[in-house]
Amino acid sequence: MVLCLSSLHAAHAMNLVQDGSFESTVLADGTYTIVRQATLGPWTLGSNGLELRNKVVGSAYDGKVFAELDAFGGNSWISQSLSTTAGQWYELSFAYANRPAFPANSNGLGWSLDWSAGSRTGAVPQLPFNPTGEHVWKIFTTRFQATESSTLLKLSATGLSDGAGSSLDAISVMPVAAPIPEPESWALMVLGLLVLGGWQLRRRQAAQ
């Protein structure tokens, strides 16, 4: 048990995202709040704010509180500036779920990683309609290589701007090892070396 707790603490220490599970906001079970100010701790909020819930239309993936970005009558976003190391690889991960009993196209999340010289953007795979009263959480992950000492992480609601959208929880950005080339890449590299070696051997034989 001590090892498990130590591993958990180490994982939290490596996470560059602060308040990624929104637990700094204390909510009683069965309650929610809509945050309308421009910031919430380390997070910067879009003009439509952020909705936080505790066991209201679903339960959290991690802890008690989770977020919805289609908040104050329309789609919104959150962002946070992360301290990164240029050249280091990282993994962005978060839990997301469709709002129960709402059409699939009401849901949707986009993500972006921005630097002064460029950016990476994408969206989570669309999930099917959830007819239950509880969340069906999925984990989205993607890996990226930082290009600067600061990376801006931004998460946005992308479904219908109708005040009901995807739930979001357990956001993390963790350093990871550089990716290992795919087997096909290794095979092409070896083939290239063999061809080059054969060409050089023929040149030496022809020169003799």
N, C-alpha and C. Protein backbone atom coordinates (compact mmCIF):
# COMPACT_ATOMS: atom_id res chain seq x y z
N MET A 1 0.83 -1.20 0.00
CA MET A 1 0.00 0.00 0.00
C MET A 1 0.87 1.26 0.00
N VAL A 2 1.99 1.24 0.74
CA VAL A 2 2.89 2.39 0.78
C VAL A 2 3.45 2.66 -0.61
N LEU A 3 3.79 1.59 -1.34
CA LEU A 3 4.31 1.75 -2.69
C LEU A 3 3.27 2.38 -3.60
N CYS A 4 2.03 1.94 -3.49
CA CYS A 4 0.96 2.48 -4.32
C CYS A 4 0.75 3.96 -4.05
N LEU A 5 0.74 4.33 -2.77
CA LEU A 5 0.56 5.74 -2.41
C LEU A 5 1.73 6.57 -2.89
N SER A 6 2.95 6.02 -2.78
CA SER A 6 4.13 6.74 -3.24
C SER A 6 4.07 6.96 -4.75
N SER A 7 3.63 5.93 -5.47
CA SER A 7 3.51 6.05 -6.92
C SER A 7 2.47 7.10 -7.29
N LEU A 8 1.37 7.13 -6.54
CA LEU A 8 0.31 8.10 -6.80
C LEU A 8 0.81 9.51 -6.56
N HIS A 9 1.53 9.72 -5.44
CA HIS A 9 2.06 11.04 -5.15
C HIS A 9 3.08 11.46 -6.21
N ALA A 10 3.90 10.52 -6.67
CA ALA A 10 4.90 10.83 -7.69
C ALA A 10 4.23 11.25 -8.98
N ALA A 11 3.14 10.56 -9.34
CA ALA A 11 2.41 10.89 -10.56
C ALA A 11 1.82 12.29 -10.48
N HIS A 12 1.24 12.63 -9.33
CA HIS A 12 0.68 13.96 -9.15
C HIS A 12 1.77 15.03 -9.21
N ALA A 13 2.96 14.70 -8.67
CA ALA A 13 4.06 15.66 -8.68
C ALA A 13 4.56 15.92 -10.09
N MET A 14 4.48 14.93 -10.98
CA MET A 14 4.95 15.07 -12.35
C MET A 14 3.94 15.80 -13.23
N ASN A 15 2.68 15.86 -12.81
CA ASN A 15 1.65 16.49 -13.61
C ASN A 15 1.88 18.01 -13.67
N LEU A 16 2.03 18.54 -14.88
CA LEU A 16 2.26 19.98 -15.04
C LEU A 16 0.98 20.79 -14.88
N VAL A 17 -0.18 20.15 -15.00
CA VAL A 17 -1.46 20.85 -14.90
C VAL A 17 -1.84 21.01 -13.44
N GLN A 18 -2.16 22.22 -13.04
CA GLN A 18 -2.64 22.48 -11.69
C GLN A 18 -4.17 22.42 -11.65
N ASP A 19 -4.68 21.81 -10.61
CA ASP A 19 -6.13 21.67 -10.41
C ASP A 19 -6.79 21.03 -11.63
N GLY A 20 -6.17 19.98 -12.13
CA GLY A 20 -6.70 19.30 -13.32
C GLY A 20 -7.98 18.54 -13.08
N SER A 21 -8.33 18.28 -11.82
CA SER A 21 -9.59 17.61 -11.50
C SER A 21 -10.58 18.55 -10.82
N PHE A 22 -10.25 19.83 -10.76
CA PHE A 22 -11.15 20.88 -10.26
C PHE A 22 -11.55 20.69 -8.80
N GLU A 23 -10.71 20.00 -8.05
CA GLU A 23 -11.04 19.72 -6.66
C GLU A 23 -10.79 20.90 -5.73
N SER A 24 -10.17 21.97 -6.25
CA SER A 24 -9.99 23.15 -5.40
C SER A 24 -11.31 23.85 -5.12
N THR A 25 -12.32 23.57 -5.95
CA THR A 25 -13.67 24.09 -5.71
C THR A 25 -14.45 23.06 -4.90
N VAL A 26 -14.88 23.44 -3.72
CA VAL A 26 -15.59 22.51 -2.84
C VAL A 26 -17.09 22.64 -3.10
N LEU A 27 -17.70 21.53 -3.48
CA LEU A 27 -19.15 21.47 -3.70
C LEU A 27 -19.74 20.33 -2.91
N ALA A 28 -20.87 20.55 -2.29
CA ALA A 28 -21.58 19.48 -1.60
C ALA A 28 -22.16 18.51 -2.62
N ASP A 29 -22.32 17.26 -2.22
CA ASP A 29 -22.94 16.27 -3.10
C ASP A 29 -24.30 16.77 -3.57
N GLY A 30 -24.57 16.58 -4.87
CA GLY A 30 -25.85 16.97 -5.42
C GLY A 30 -25.98 18.45 -5.73
N THR A 31 -24.84 19.17 -5.81
CA THR A 31 -24.89 20.61 -6.12
C THR A 31 -23.98 20.93 -7.29
N TYR A 32 -24.18 22.12 -7.86
CA TYR A 32 -23.34 22.59 -8.96
C TYR A 32 -23.19 24.10 -8.85
N THR A 33 -22.23 24.64 -9.60
CA THR A 33 -22.05 26.09 -9.66
C THR A 33 -21.57 26.47 -11.04
N ILE A 34 -21.93 27.66 -11.49
CA ILE A 34 -21.43 28.20 -12.75
C ILE A 34 -20.46 29.33 -12.41
N VAL A 35 -19.22 29.16 -12.82
CA VAL A 35 -18.17 30.14 -12.54
C VAL A 35 -18.14 31.13 -13.69
N ARG A 36 -18.37 32.41 -13.39
CA ARG A 36 -18.48 33.42 -14.44
C ARG A 36 -17.28 34.37 -14.50
N GLN A 37 -16.38 34.30 -13.53
CA GLN A 37 -15.24 35.21 -13.57
C GLN A 37 -14.22 34.77 -14.60
N ALA A 38 -13.25 35.63 -14.86
CA ALA A 38 -12.27 35.39 -15.93
C ALA A 38 -11.27 34.30 -15.59
N THR A 39 -11.04 34.04 -14.29
CA THR A 39 -10.08 33.02 -13.89
C THR A 39 -10.64 32.18 -12.75
N LEU A 40 -10.13 30.97 -12.64
CA LEU A 40 -10.44 30.08 -11.51
C LEU A 40 -9.13 29.42 -11.12
N GLY A 41 -8.44 29.97 -10.11
CA GLY A 41 -7.12 29.46 -9.75
C GLY A 41 -6.17 29.59 -10.94
N PRO A 42 -5.56 28.48 -11.37
CA PRO A 42 -4.60 28.54 -12.48
C PRO A 42 -5.26 28.61 -13.86
N TRP A 43 -6.58 28.41 -13.91
CA TRP A 43 -7.29 28.36 -15.18
C TRP A 43 -7.77 29.74 -15.61
N THR A 44 -7.63 30.04 -16.90
CA THR A 44 -8.28 31.19 -17.52
C THR A 44 -9.54 30.68 -18.20
N LEU A 45 -10.66 31.42 -18.05
CA LEU A 45 -11.95 30.94 -18.55
C LEU A 45 -12.42 31.80 -19.72
N GLY A 46 -13.15 31.14 -20.64
CA GLY A 46 -13.80 31.86 -21.72
C GLY A 46 -14.96 32.70 -21.22
N SER A 47 -15.53 33.51 -22.09
CA SER A 47 -16.55 34.47 -21.67
C SER A 47 -17.82 33.81 -21.15
N ASN A 48 -18.08 32.56 -21.54
CA ASN A 48 -19.27 31.86 -21.05
C ASN A 48 -18.99 31.08 -19.76
N GLY A 49 -17.80 31.21 -19.23
CA GLY A 49 -17.51 30.63 -17.92
C GLY A 49 -17.33 29.13 -17.94
N LEU A 50 -17.60 28.54 -16.80
CA LEU A 50 -17.34 27.12 -16.55
C LEU A 50 -18.37 26.60 -15.57
N GLU A 51 -18.92 25.43 -15.86
CA GLU A 51 -19.86 24.80 -14.92
C GLU A 51 -19.16 23.65 -14.20
N LEU A 52 -19.27 23.64 -12.87
CA LEU A 52 -18.69 22.58 -12.05
C LEU A 52 -19.81 21.86 -11.32
N ARG A 53 -19.75 20.51 -11.29
CA ARG A 53 -20.83 19.74 -10.69
C ARG A 53 -20.27 18.63 -9.80
N ASN A 54 -21.04 18.26 -8.80
CA ASN A 54 -20.73 17.14 -7.91
C ASN A 54 -21.99 16.29 -7.79
N LYS A 55 -21.98 15.15 -8.50
CA LYS A 55 -23.11 14.21 -8.49
C LYS A 55 -24.40 14.88 -8.95
N VAL A 56 -24.28 15.69 -9.99
CA VAL A 56 -25.44 16.26 -10.68
C VAL A 56 -25.31 15.91 -12.15
N VAL A 57 -26.27 15.16 -12.68
CA VAL A 57 -26.21 14.65 -14.06
C VAL A 57 -24.88 13.95 -14.29
N GLY A 58 -24.59 12.97 -13.44
CA GLY A 58 -23.36 12.21 -13.55
C GLY A 58 -22.43 12.45 -12.37
N SER A 59 -21.43 11.59 -12.25
CA SER A 59 -20.45 11.67 -11.17
C SER A 59 -19.06 11.85 -11.76
N ALA A 60 -18.15 12.36 -10.93
CA ALA A 60 -16.79 12.65 -11.38
C ALA A 60 -16.02 11.38 -11.71
N TYR A 61 -15.04 11.52 -12.58
CA TYR A 61 -14.10 10.43 -12.86
C TYR A 61 -13.05 10.34 -11.77
N ASP A 62 -12.58 11.50 -11.32
CA ASP A 62 -11.53 11.56 -10.30
C ASP A 62 -11.98 12.52 -9.20
N GLY A 63 -12.02 12.08 -7.98
CA GLY A 63 -12.47 12.94 -6.89
C GLY A 63 -13.97 13.13 -6.90
N LYS A 64 -14.42 14.35 -6.62
CA LYS A 64 -15.86 14.62 -6.54
C LYS A 64 -16.37 15.57 -7.60
N VAL A 65 -15.52 16.49 -8.05
CA VAL A 65 -15.97 17.58 -8.92
C VAL A 65 -15.51 17.32 -10.36
N PHE A 66 -16.38 17.66 -11.31
CA PHE A 66 -16.01 17.61 -12.72
C PHE A 66 -16.55 18.85 -13.40
N ALA A 67 -16.11 19.11 -14.62
CA ALA A 67 -16.44 20.34 -15.32
C ALA A 67 -17.24 20.09 -16.58
N GLU A 68 -17.96 21.12 -17.00
CA GLU A 68 -18.61 21.15 -18.31
C GLU A 68 -18.31 22.51 -18.93
N LEU A 69 -17.89 22.52 -20.19
CA LEU A 69 -17.46 23.75 -20.85
C LEU A 69 -18.56 24.42 -21.65
N ASP A 70 -19.69 23.76 -21.86
CA ASP A 70 -20.86 24.40 -22.47
C ASP A 70 -21.69 24.90 -21.30
N ALA A 71 -21.33 26.07 -20.80
CA ALA A 71 -21.75 26.46 -19.46
C ALA A 71 -22.85 27.51 -19.44
N PHE A 72 -22.49 28.77 -19.40
CA PHE A 72 -23.44 29.86 -19.17
C PHE A 72 -24.19 30.19 -20.46
N GLY A 73 -25.00 29.22 -20.91
CA GLY A 73 -25.80 29.42 -22.12
C GLY A 73 -25.08 29.20 -23.42
N GLY A 74 -23.83 28.76 -23.39
CA GLY A 74 -23.12 28.53 -24.64
C GLY A 74 -21.73 27.97 -24.44
N ASN A 75 -21.11 27.59 -25.55
CA ASN A 75 -19.79 26.97 -25.50
C ASN A 75 -18.74 27.92 -24.91
N SER A 76 -17.83 27.34 -24.15
CA SER A 76 -16.76 28.11 -23.53
C SER A 76 -15.46 27.34 -23.63
N TRP A 77 -14.43 27.81 -22.95
CA TRP A 77 -13.12 27.16 -22.98
C TRP A 77 -12.38 27.47 -21.69
N ILE A 78 -11.34 26.68 -21.43
CA ILE A 78 -10.43 26.94 -20.33
C ILE A 78 -9.01 26.80 -20.86
N SER A 79 -8.06 27.54 -20.28
CA SER A 79 -6.67 27.43 -20.69
C SER A 79 -5.76 27.57 -19.48
N GLN A 80 -4.56 27.04 -19.62
CA GLN A 80 -3.57 27.12 -18.56
C GLN A 80 -2.18 27.10 -19.18
N SER A 81 -1.31 28.00 -18.73
CA SER A 81 0.06 28.05 -19.21
C SER A 81 0.92 27.08 -18.42
N LEU A 82 1.63 26.19 -19.12
CA LEU A 82 2.44 25.15 -18.48
C LEU A 82 3.92 25.42 -18.70
N SER A 83 4.71 25.13 -17.68
CA SER A 83 6.17 25.25 -17.80
C SER A 83 6.72 23.96 -18.39
N THR A 84 7.23 24.03 -19.60
CA THR A 84 7.72 22.85 -20.31
C THR A 84 9.20 23.04 -20.66
N THR A 85 9.81 21.97 -21.15
CA THR A 85 11.20 22.00 -21.59
C THR A 85 11.26 21.75 -23.08
N ALA A 86 11.84 22.65 -23.82
CA ALA A 86 11.94 22.50 -25.27
C ALA A 86 12.64 21.18 -25.61
N GLY A 87 12.03 20.41 -26.52
CA GLY A 87 12.58 19.13 -26.92
C GLY A 87 12.06 17.95 -26.13
N GLN A 88 11.48 18.20 -24.96
CA GLN A 88 10.93 17.12 -24.11
C GLN A 88 9.58 16.67 -24.66
N TRP A 89 9.33 15.36 -24.59
CA TRP A 89 8.04 14.81 -24.98
C TRP A 89 7.12 14.75 -23.77
N TYR A 90 5.83 14.99 -24.01
CA TYR A 90 4.83 14.97 -22.96
C TYR A 90 3.59 14.23 -23.44
N GLU A 91 2.79 13.78 -22.48
CA GLU A 91 1.50 13.16 -22.81
C GLU A 91 0.37 13.98 -22.18
N LEU A 92 -0.52 14.48 -23.02
CA LEU A 92 -1.74 15.12 -22.56
C LEU A 92 -2.81 14.06 -22.40
N SER A 93 -3.48 14.07 -21.26
CA SER A 93 -4.51 13.07 -20.98
C SER A 93 -5.65 13.72 -20.21
N PHE A 94 -6.87 13.31 -20.52
CA PHE A 94 -8.02 13.75 -19.72
C PHE A 94 -9.19 12.79 -19.93
N ALA A 95 -10.09 12.80 -18.94
CA ALA A 95 -11.31 11.98 -19.02
C ALA A 95 -12.43 12.85 -19.56
N TYR A 96 -13.26 12.27 -20.43
CA TYR A 96 -14.41 13.00 -20.95
C TYR A 96 -15.59 12.05 -21.14
N ALA A 97 -16.78 12.61 -21.13
CA ALA A 97 -17.99 11.82 -21.25
C ALA A 97 -19.10 12.68 -21.82
N ASN A 98 -20.00 12.05 -22.59
CA ASN A 98 -21.19 12.77 -23.04
C ASN A 98 -22.10 13.06 -21.85
N ARG A 99 -22.77 14.20 -21.92
CA ARG A 99 -23.79 14.48 -20.91
C ARG A 99 -24.92 13.48 -21.10
N PRO A 100 -25.27 12.74 -20.02
CA PRO A 100 -26.30 11.71 -20.15
C PRO A 100 -27.62 12.27 -20.66
N ALA A 101 -28.24 11.49 -21.57
CA ALA A 101 -29.58 11.76 -22.11
C ALA A 101 -29.63 12.96 -23.04
N PHE A 102 -28.47 13.50 -23.47
CA PHE A 102 -28.45 14.59 -24.44
C PHE A 102 -27.91 14.08 -25.77
N PRO A 103 -28.39 14.63 -26.89
CA PRO A 103 -27.94 14.16 -28.20
C PRO A 103 -26.42 14.20 -28.33
N ALA A 104 -25.89 13.27 -29.11
CA ALA A 104 -24.44 13.18 -29.26
C ALA A 104 -23.84 14.47 -29.78
N ASN A 105 -24.57 15.19 -30.68
CA ASN A 105 -23.99 16.41 -31.25
C ASN A 105 -24.06 17.61 -30.32
N SER A 106 -24.68 17.45 -29.15
CA SER A 106 -24.57 18.49 -28.12
C SER A 106 -23.21 18.46 -27.45
N ASN A 107 -22.53 17.33 -27.60
CA ASN A 107 -21.24 17.10 -26.94
C ASN A 107 -20.09 17.29 -27.91
N GLY A 108 -18.89 17.41 -27.34
CA GLY A 108 -17.69 17.54 -28.15
C GLY A 108 -16.66 18.41 -27.47
N LEU A 109 -15.40 18.03 -27.57
CA LEU A 109 -14.30 18.79 -26.97
C LEU A 109 -13.15 18.92 -27.96
N GLY A 110 -12.60 20.10 -28.03
CA GLY A 110 -11.38 20.31 -28.81
C GLY A 110 -10.23 20.67 -27.88
N TRP A 111 -9.00 20.46 -28.33
CA TRP A 111 -7.82 20.77 -27.53
C TRP A 111 -6.79 21.46 -28.42
N SER A 112 -5.96 22.27 -27.79
CA SER A 112 -4.85 22.87 -28.52
C SER A 112 -3.67 23.06 -27.59
N LEU A 113 -2.47 23.02 -28.18
CA LEU A 113 -1.21 23.26 -27.48
C LEU A 113 -0.51 24.34 -28.27
N ASP A 114 -0.31 25.50 -27.66
CA ASP A 114 0.16 26.67 -28.40
C ASP A 114 1.52 27.14 -27.90
N TRP A 115 2.37 27.50 -28.86
CA TRP A 115 3.66 28.14 -28.61
C TRP A 115 3.72 29.41 -29.45
N SER A 116 4.69 30.24 -29.20
CA SER A 116 4.79 31.48 -29.97
C SER A 116 5.05 31.22 -31.44
N ALA A 117 5.68 30.06 -31.75
CA ALA A 117 6.05 29.76 -33.13
C ALA A 117 5.15 28.72 -33.80
N GLY A 118 4.08 28.31 -33.14
CA GLY A 118 3.21 27.31 -33.75
C GLY A 118 2.26 26.69 -32.74
N SER A 119 1.51 25.69 -33.21
CA SER A 119 0.54 25.06 -32.33
C SER A 119 0.18 23.67 -32.85
N ARG A 120 -0.44 22.88 -31.97
CA ARG A 120 -1.05 21.60 -32.34
C ARG A 120 -2.49 21.64 -31.87
N THR A 121 -3.40 21.18 -32.71
CA THR A 121 -4.81 21.18 -32.35
C THR A 121 -5.45 19.85 -32.70
N GLY A 122 -6.57 19.57 -32.07
CA GLY A 122 -7.29 18.34 -32.37
C GLY A 122 -8.62 18.31 -31.62
N ALA A 123 -9.31 17.20 -31.75
CA ALA A 123 -10.59 17.01 -31.08
C ALA A 123 -10.70 15.56 -30.61
N VAL A 124 -11.49 15.34 -29.58
CA VAL A 124 -11.68 13.99 -29.07
C VAL A 124 -12.61 13.22 -30.01
N PRO A 125 -12.50 11.90 -30.07
CA PRO A 125 -13.45 11.11 -30.85
C PRO A 125 -14.88 11.30 -30.30
N GLN A 126 -15.83 11.40 -31.21
CA GLN A 126 -17.22 11.57 -30.78
C GLN A 126 -17.73 10.29 -30.13
N LEU A 127 -18.46 10.44 -29.04
CA LEU A 127 -19.02 9.30 -28.33
C LEU A 127 -20.50 9.14 -28.69
N PRO A 128 -21.02 7.91 -28.59
CA PRO A 128 -22.43 7.70 -28.92
C PRO A 128 -23.37 8.27 -27.86
N PHE A 129 -24.60 8.42 -28.23
CA PHE A 129 -25.64 8.87 -27.30
C PHE A 129 -25.65 7.99 -26.05
N ASN A 130 -25.72 8.64 -24.89
CA ASN A 130 -25.73 7.93 -23.61
C ASN A 130 -27.12 8.06 -22.99
N PRO A 131 -27.93 7.00 -23.02
CA PRO A 131 -29.31 7.09 -22.54
C PRO A 131 -29.44 6.94 -21.02
N THR A 132 -28.33 6.70 -20.34
CA THR A 132 -28.39 6.44 -18.89
C THR A 132 -28.39 7.76 -18.12
N GLY A 133 -28.46 7.66 -16.82
CA GLY A 133 -28.37 8.83 -15.97
C GLY A 133 -26.99 9.03 -15.38
N GLU A 134 -26.02 8.25 -15.86
CA GLU A 134 -24.66 8.30 -15.31
C GLU A 134 -23.65 8.42 -16.44
N HIS A 135 -22.46 8.92 -16.12
CA HIS A 135 -21.42 9.08 -17.11
C HIS A 135 -20.86 7.74 -17.58
N VAL A 136 -20.43 7.70 -18.83
CA VAL A 136 -19.59 6.62 -19.36
C VAL A 136 -18.28 7.29 -19.77
N TRP A 137 -17.33 7.32 -18.85
CA TRP A 137 -16.09 8.06 -19.05
C TRP A 137 -15.15 7.35 -20.04
N LYS A 138 -14.49 8.13 -20.85
CA LYS A 138 -13.43 7.66 -21.74
C LYS A 138 -12.18 8.50 -21.48
N ILE A 139 -11.03 7.93 -21.77
CA ILE A 139 -9.76 8.63 -21.60
C ILE A 139 -9.19 8.99 -22.97
N PHE A 140 -8.89 10.27 -23.14
CA PHE A 140 -8.23 10.72 -24.36
C PHE A 140 -6.77 11.00 -24.04
N THR A 141 -5.85 10.56 -24.91
CA THR A 141 -4.43 10.86 -24.73
C THR A 141 -3.81 11.23 -26.08
N THR A 142 -2.84 12.10 -26.03
CA THR A 142 -2.03 12.41 -27.20
C THR A 142 -0.65 12.83 -26.71
N ARG A 143 0.37 12.55 -27.50
CA ARG A 143 1.74 12.92 -27.11
C ARG A 143 2.25 14.04 -28.00
N PHE A 144 3.06 14.90 -27.42
CA PHE A 144 3.60 16.02 -28.17
C PHE A 144 4.99 16.36 -27.66
N GLN A 145 5.76 17.03 -28.51
CA GLN A 145 7.10 17.49 -28.15
C GLN A 145 7.05 19.00 -27.99
N ALA A 146 7.39 19.47 -26.79
CA ALA A 146 7.38 20.91 -26.54
C ALA A 146 8.48 21.59 -27.35
N THR A 147 8.19 22.78 -27.80
CA THR A 147 9.18 23.54 -28.57
C THR A 147 9.73 24.73 -27.81
N GLU A 148 9.10 25.06 -26.67
CA GLU A 148 9.52 26.22 -25.90
C GLU A 148 9.39 25.93 -24.41
N SER A 149 9.79 26.88 -23.59
CA SER A 149 9.73 26.71 -22.14
C SER A 149 8.33 26.96 -21.58
N SER A 150 7.41 27.41 -22.42
CA SER A 150 6.03 27.63 -21.99
C SER A 150 5.09 27.09 -23.06
N THR A 151 4.10 26.32 -22.63
CA THR A 151 3.10 25.75 -23.53
C THR A 151 1.72 26.10 -23.01
N LEU A 152 0.88 26.66 -23.87
CA LEU A 152 -0.48 27.01 -23.47
C LEU A 152 -1.42 25.88 -23.84
N LEU A 153 -2.01 25.26 -22.82
CA LEU A 153 -3.01 24.21 -23.02
C LEU A 153 -4.39 24.84 -23.01
N LYS A 154 -5.20 24.52 -24.02
CA LYS A 154 -6.55 25.05 -24.10
C LYS A 154 -7.52 23.93 -24.45
N LEU A 155 -8.64 23.87 -23.73
CA LEU A 155 -9.69 22.88 -23.96
C LEU A 155 -10.99 23.64 -24.21
N SER A 156 -11.72 23.24 -25.26
CA SER A 156 -12.90 23.99 -25.69
C SER A 156 -14.08 23.07 -25.95
N ALA A 157 -15.29 23.57 -25.67
CA ALA A 157 -16.51 22.87 -26.05
C ALA A 157 -16.73 23.06 -27.55
N THR A 158 -17.07 21.99 -28.27
CA THR A 158 -17.22 22.07 -29.72
C THR A 158 -18.58 21.57 -30.21
N GLY A 159 -19.43 21.08 -29.32
CA GLY A 159 -20.75 20.61 -29.74
C GLY A 159 -21.71 21.77 -29.92
N LEU A 160 -23.01 21.47 -29.99
CA LEU A 160 -24.01 22.52 -30.09
C LEU A 160 -23.87 23.47 -28.90
N SER A 161 -23.96 24.74 -29.16
CA SER A 161 -23.84 25.74 -28.10
C SER A 161 -25.21 25.93 -27.46
N ASP A 162 -25.59 24.95 -26.64
CA ASP A 162 -26.95 24.89 -26.10
C ASP A 162 -27.01 24.78 -24.59
N GLY A 163 -25.87 25.00 -23.92
CA GLY A 163 -25.85 24.92 -22.46
C GLY A 163 -25.72 23.52 -21.91
N ALA A 164 -25.50 22.54 -22.77
CA ALA A 164 -25.31 21.15 -22.31
C ALA A 164 -24.26 20.49 -23.19
N GLY A 165 -23.17 20.02 -22.58
CA GLY A 165 -22.10 19.44 -23.39
C GLY A 165 -21.30 18.41 -22.63
N SER A 166 -20.15 18.08 -23.19
CA SER A 166 -19.29 17.04 -22.62
C SER A 166 -18.81 17.39 -21.22
N SER A 167 -18.69 16.36 -20.40
CA SER A 167 -18.08 16.51 -19.08
C SER A 167 -16.58 16.27 -19.19
N LEU A 168 -15.81 16.89 -18.30
CA LEU A 168 -14.35 16.89 -18.39
C LEU A 168 -13.76 16.73 -17.00
N ASP A 169 -12.72 15.90 -16.87
CA ASP A 169 -12.11 15.66 -15.56
C ASP A 169 -10.70 15.11 -15.75
N ALA A 170 -9.92 15.14 -14.67
CA ALA A 170 -8.61 14.47 -14.59
C ALA A 170 -7.67 14.87 -15.73
N ILE A 171 -7.47 16.17 -15.89
CA ILE A 171 -6.58 16.67 -16.95
C ILE A 171 -5.13 16.60 -16.48
N SER A 172 -4.27 16.05 -17.30
CA SER A 172 -2.85 15.96 -16.92
C SER A 172 -1.96 16.14 -18.15
N VAL A 173 -0.79 16.67 -17.90
CA VAL A 173 0.30 16.70 -18.90
C VAL A 173 1.54 16.20 -18.18
N MET A 174 2.05 15.05 -18.62
CA MET A 174 3.17 14.38 -17.93
C MET A 174 4.33 14.18 -18.89
N PRO A 175 5.57 14.35 -18.42
CA PRO A 175 6.73 14.05 -19.27
C PRO A 175 6.83 12.56 -19.55
N VAL A 176 7.20 12.23 -20.79
CA VAL A 176 7.36 10.83 -21.20
C VAL A 176 8.64 10.70 -22.00
N ALA A 177 9.08 9.45 -22.19
CA ALA A 177 10.27 9.19 -23.00
C ALA A 177 9.98 9.47 -24.46
N ALA A 178 11.02 9.77 -25.21
CA ALA A 178 10.88 9.99 -26.65
C ALA A 178 10.29 8.75 -27.29
N PRO A 179 9.41 8.91 -28.29
CA PRO A 179 8.77 7.73 -28.91
C PRO A 179 9.78 6.85 -29.62
N ILE A 180 9.54 5.54 -29.56
CA ILE A 180 10.39 4.56 -30.26
C ILE A 180 9.87 4.45 -31.70
N PRO A 181 10.76 4.49 -32.69
CA PRO A 181 10.29 4.37 -34.07
C PRO A 181 9.47 3.11 -34.29
N GLU A 182 8.45 3.21 -35.16
CA GLU A 182 7.62 2.05 -35.50
C GLU A 182 8.48 0.99 -36.18
N PRO A 183 8.08 -0.32 -36.09
CA PRO A 183 8.84 -1.39 -36.76
C PRO A 183 9.07 -1.11 -38.24
N GLU A 184 8.06 -0.50 -38.91
CA GLU A 184 8.22 -0.20 -40.33
C GLU A 184 9.37 0.80 -40.54
N SER A 185 9.49 1.76 -39.63
CA SER A 185 10.56 2.74 -39.75
C SER A 185 11.92 2.09 -39.56
N TRP A 186 11.99 1.18 -38.59
CA TRP A 186 13.25 0.45 -38.38
C TRP A 186 13.60 -0.37 -39.62
N ALA A 187 12.60 -1.04 -40.19
CA ALA A 187 12.85 -1.87 -41.37
C ALA A 187 13.35 -1.04 -42.54
N LEU A 188 12.75 0.14 -42.73
CA LEU A 188 13.21 1.01 -43.82
C LEU A 188 14.63 1.51 -43.58
N MET A 189 14.95 1.81 -42.31
CA MET A 189 16.28 2.28 -42.00
C MET A 189 17.32 1.18 -42.26
N VAL A 190 17.01 -0.06 -41.80
CA VAL A 190 17.93 -1.18 -42.02
C VAL A 190 18.10 -1.44 -43.50
N LEU A 191 16.97 -1.41 -44.25
CA LEU A 191 17.06 -1.63 -45.69
C LEU A 191 17.94 -0.57 -46.35
N GLY A 192 17.78 0.68 -45.91
CA GLY A 192 18.60 1.76 -46.45
C GLY A 192 20.08 1.55 -46.18
N LEU A 193 20.40 1.09 -44.96
CA LEU A 193 21.80 0.82 -44.62
C LEU A 193 22.37 -0.32 -45.45
N LEU A 194 21.54 -1.36 -45.68
CA LEU A 194 22.01 -2.49 -46.50
C LEU A 194 22.27 -2.06 -47.94
N VAL A 195 21.36 -1.24 -48.48
CA VAL A 195 21.55 -0.76 -49.85
C VAL A 195 22.81 0.10 -49.95
N LEU A 196 23.00 0.99 -48.95
CA LEU A 196 24.18 1.84 -48.94
C LEU A 196 25.45 1.01 -48.82
N GLY A 197 25.40 -0.01 -47.93
CA GLY A 197 26.57 -0.87 -47.77
C GLY A 197 26.90 -1.62 -49.03
N GLY A 198 25.86 -2.13 -49.73
CA GLY A 198 26.09 -2.85 -50.98
C GLY A 198 26.67 -1.96 -52.06
N TRP A 199 26.18 -0.72 -52.12
CA TRP A 199 26.69 0.24 -53.11
C TRP A 199 28.17 0.56 -52.86
N GLN A 200 28.52 0.75 -51.57
CA GLN A 200 29.91 1.05 -51.25
C GLN A 200 30.82 -0.14 -51.56
N LEU A 201 30.30 -1.38 -51.31
CA LEU A 201 31.10 -2.57 -51.60
C LEU A 201 31.35 -2.69 -53.09
N ARG A 202 30.34 -2.42 -53.91
CA ARG A 202 30.53 -2.50 -55.36
C ARG A 202 31.52 -1.45 -55.84
N ARG A 203 31.51 -0.26 -55.23
CA ARG A 203 32.47 0.77 -55.61
C ARG A 203 33.89 0.33 -55.32
N ARG A 204 34.08 -0.29 -54.12
CA ARG A 204 35.44 -0.74 -53.78
C ARG A 204 35.90 -1.85 -54.72
N GLN A 205 34.97 -2.77 -55.03
CA GLN A 205 35.36 -3.86 -55.94
C GLN A 205 35.68 -3.35 -57.33
N ALA A 206 34.93 -2.34 -57.78
CA ALA A 206 35.17 -1.78 -59.10
C ALA A 206 36.49 -1.01 -59.16
N ALA A 207 36.92 -0.48 -58.03
CA ALA A 207 38.17 0.30 -58.00
C ALA A 207 39.39 -0.59 -57.95
N GLN A 208 39.22 -1.86 -57.60
CA GLN A 208 40.36 -2.76 -57.50
C GLN A 208 40.84 -3.22 -58.88
